[in-house]
Amino acid sequence: MLLDRGITVVDILLNLSDSLSLADRLLMIEHDGTVREIPKENFAFVPRNVPWGTFYLGEA
């Protein structure tokens, strides 16, 4: 209902699979601020294990 009215909905979940089941796009933000948008049609190509594995290897 909110999306039909043009209202943005942000869903923050810990489980990627749960997030993708509700989302129409996935935004991946890198350490350098680079943003990659993945549309729902390409969710099948997103690894479910840890797509942001490099996040944990970056500087704290």
N, C-alpha and C. Protein backbone atom coordinates (compact mmCIF):
# COMPACT_ATOMS: atom_id res chain seq x y z
N MET A 1 0.83 -1.18 0.00
CA MET A 1 0.00 0.00 0.00
C MET A 1 0.88 1.26 0.00
N LEU A 2 1.95 1.26 0.81
CA LEU A 2 2.82 2.43 0.85
C LEU A 2 3.55 2.63 -0.47
N LEU A 3 4.06 1.54 -1.04
CA LEU A 3 4.76 1.64 -2.31
C LEU A 3 3.84 2.14 -3.42
N ASP A 4 2.58 1.71 -3.41
CA ASP A 4 1.62 2.17 -4.40
C ASP A 4 1.40 3.68 -4.33
N ARG A 5 1.62 4.24 -3.15
CA ARG A 5 1.44 5.69 -2.96
C ARG A 5 2.74 6.45 -3.17
N GLY A 6 3.82 5.72 -3.58
CA GLY A 6 5.11 6.37 -3.84
C GLY A 6 5.93 6.62 -2.60
N ILE A 7 5.60 5.95 -1.49
CA ILE A 7 6.33 6.13 -0.24
C ILE A 7 7.41 5.06 -0.17
N THR A 8 8.67 5.48 0.05
CA THR A 8 9.79 4.56 0.16
C THR A 8 9.71 3.78 1.46
N VAL A 9 9.96 2.49 1.37
CA VAL A 9 9.99 1.63 2.54
C VAL A 9 11.38 1.02 2.65
N VAL A 10 12.04 1.21 3.78
CA VAL A 10 13.36 0.63 4.03
C VAL A 10 13.19 -0.46 5.07
N ASP A 11 13.66 -1.65 4.70
CA ASP A 11 13.53 -2.81 5.59
C ASP A 11 14.94 -3.26 5.95
N ILE A 12 15.28 -3.20 7.23
CA ILE A 12 16.60 -3.60 7.68
C ILE A 12 16.46 -4.89 8.48
N LEU A 13 16.96 -5.96 7.89
CA LEU A 13 16.90 -7.27 8.53
C LEU A 13 18.30 -7.86 8.61
N LEU A 14 18.49 -8.81 9.49
CA LEU A 14 19.79 -9.46 9.62
C LEU A 14 19.98 -10.59 8.61
N ASN A 15 18.91 -11.17 8.16
CA ASN A 15 18.98 -12.31 7.26
C ASN A 15 18.75 -11.84 5.83
N LEU A 16 19.74 -12.05 4.97
CA LEU A 16 19.64 -11.58 3.59
C LEU A 16 18.47 -12.23 2.87
N SER A 17 18.25 -13.50 3.07
CA SER A 17 17.14 -14.18 2.40
C SER A 17 15.80 -13.57 2.76
N ASP A 18 15.62 -13.23 4.04
CA ASP A 18 14.38 -12.57 4.46
C ASP A 18 14.24 -11.21 3.79
N SER A 19 15.33 -10.47 3.71
CA SER A 19 15.29 -9.15 3.09
C SER A 19 14.92 -9.24 1.62
N LEU A 20 15.53 -10.18 0.91
CA LEU A 20 15.28 -10.29 -0.53
C LEU A 20 13.87 -10.76 -0.83
N SER A 21 13.26 -11.48 0.09
CA SER A 21 11.89 -11.93 -0.15
C SER A 21 10.90 -10.76 -0.14
N LEU A 22 11.27 -9.65 0.49
CA LEU A 22 10.40 -8.48 0.57
C LEU A 22 10.81 -7.34 -0.36
N ALA A 23 12.06 -7.34 -0.79
CA ALA A 23 12.63 -6.18 -1.50
C ALA A 23 12.32 -6.18 -3.00
N ASP A 24 12.38 -4.99 -3.58
CA ASP A 24 12.30 -4.89 -5.03
C ASP A 24 13.65 -4.50 -5.62
N ARG A 25 14.62 -4.18 -4.74
CA ARG A 25 16.00 -3.92 -5.15
C ARG A 25 16.92 -4.05 -3.94
N LEU A 26 18.18 -4.30 -4.19
CA LEU A 26 19.18 -4.41 -3.13
C LEU A 26 20.26 -3.39 -3.41
N LEU A 27 20.59 -2.58 -2.42
CA LEU A 27 21.67 -1.61 -2.55
C LEU A 27 22.86 -2.11 -1.75
N MET A 28 23.99 -2.25 -2.43
CA MET A 28 25.23 -2.67 -1.76
C MET A 28 26.15 -1.46 -1.75
N ILE A 29 26.55 -1.04 -0.56
CA ILE A 29 27.39 0.15 -0.39
C ILE A 29 28.77 -0.30 0.06
N GLU A 30 29.77 0.03 -0.74
CA GLU A 30 31.15 -0.35 -0.45
C GLU A 30 31.79 0.64 0.54
N HIS A 31 32.96 0.29 1.07
CA HIS A 31 33.67 1.17 2.00
C HIS A 31 33.98 2.54 1.41
N ASP A 32 34.26 2.56 0.10
CA ASP A 32 34.61 3.83 -0.54
C ASP A 32 33.37 4.66 -0.93
N GLY A 33 32.19 4.18 -0.58
CA GLY A 33 30.96 4.89 -0.87
C GLY A 33 30.31 4.51 -2.18
N THR A 34 30.95 3.63 -2.94
CA THR A 34 30.39 3.15 -4.19
C THR A 34 29.10 2.39 -3.90
N VAL A 35 28.05 2.70 -4.65
CA VAL A 35 26.76 2.05 -4.46
C VAL A 35 26.44 1.21 -5.69
N ARG A 36 26.06 -0.04 -5.45
CA ARG A 36 25.64 -0.91 -6.54
C ARG A 36 24.20 -1.30 -6.29
N GLU A 37 23.35 -1.07 -7.27
CA GLU A 37 21.94 -1.40 -7.16
C GLU A 37 21.67 -2.69 -7.93
N ILE A 38 21.04 -3.65 -7.26
CA ILE A 38 20.70 -4.92 -7.88
C ILE A 38 19.19 -5.04 -7.91
N PRO A 39 18.60 -5.07 -9.11
CA PRO A 39 17.14 -5.18 -9.21
C PRO A 39 16.65 -6.59 -8.87
N LYS A 40 15.40 -6.70 -8.53
CA LYS A 40 14.80 -7.97 -8.12
C LYS A 40 15.04 -9.08 -9.14
N GLU A 41 15.05 -8.73 -10.44
CA GLU A 41 15.24 -9.73 -11.49
C GLU A 41 16.60 -10.42 -11.38
N ASN A 42 17.57 -9.79 -10.71
CA ASN A 42 18.92 -10.35 -10.58
C ASN A 42 19.22 -10.91 -9.20
N PHE A 43 18.24 -11.01 -8.32
CA PHE A 43 18.47 -11.54 -6.98
C PHE A 43 19.03 -12.97 -7.01
N ALA A 44 18.68 -13.73 -8.04
CA ALA A 44 19.15 -15.12 -8.11
C ALA A 44 20.67 -15.19 -8.21
N PHE A 45 21.31 -14.09 -8.62
CA PHE A 45 22.76 -14.08 -8.79
C PHE A 45 23.49 -13.55 -7.55
N VAL A 46 22.76 -13.14 -6.53
CA VAL A 46 23.37 -12.65 -5.29
C VAL A 46 23.69 -13.85 -4.41
N PRO A 47 24.97 -14.02 -4.02
CA PRO A 47 25.30 -15.15 -3.13
C PRO A 47 24.59 -15.01 -1.79
N ARG A 48 23.98 -16.07 -1.31
CA ARG A 48 23.22 -16.02 -0.06
C ARG A 48 24.09 -16.15 1.19
N ASN A 49 25.31 -16.70 1.04
CA ASN A 49 26.12 -16.92 2.24
C ASN A 49 26.59 -15.60 2.86
N VAL A 50 27.56 -14.92 2.28
CA VAL A 50 28.01 -13.65 2.82
C VAL A 50 28.41 -12.75 1.66
N PRO A 51 27.45 -12.07 1.03
CA PRO A 51 27.79 -11.23 -0.12
C PRO A 51 28.64 -10.03 0.25
N TRP A 52 28.69 -9.70 1.51
CA TRP A 52 29.47 -8.55 1.95
C TRP A 52 30.67 -9.01 2.77
N GLY A 53 31.25 -10.16 2.42
CA GLY A 53 32.40 -10.72 3.14
C GLY A 53 33.55 -9.75 3.29
N THR A 54 33.80 -8.92 2.28
CA THR A 54 34.89 -7.96 2.37
C THR A 54 34.64 -6.90 3.43
N PHE A 55 33.39 -6.70 3.81
CA PHE A 55 33.07 -5.72 4.85
C PHE A 55 33.80 -6.05 6.15
N TYR A 56 33.85 -7.35 6.48
CA TYR A 56 34.46 -7.79 7.73
C TYR A 56 35.97 -7.76 7.67
N LEU A 57 36.53 -7.67 6.47
CA LEU A 57 37.98 -7.66 6.31
C LEU A 57 38.53 -6.24 6.23
N GLY A 58 37.65 -5.25 6.13
CA GLY A 58 38.07 -3.85 6.00
C GLY A 58 38.60 -3.30 7.30
N GLU A 59 39.10 -2.08 7.21
CA GLU A 59 39.62 -1.41 8.41
C GLU A 59 38.50 -1.05 9.35
N ALA A 60 38.76 -1.17 10.64
CA ALA A 60 37.74 -0.85 11.66
C ALA A 60 37.69 0.62 11.92
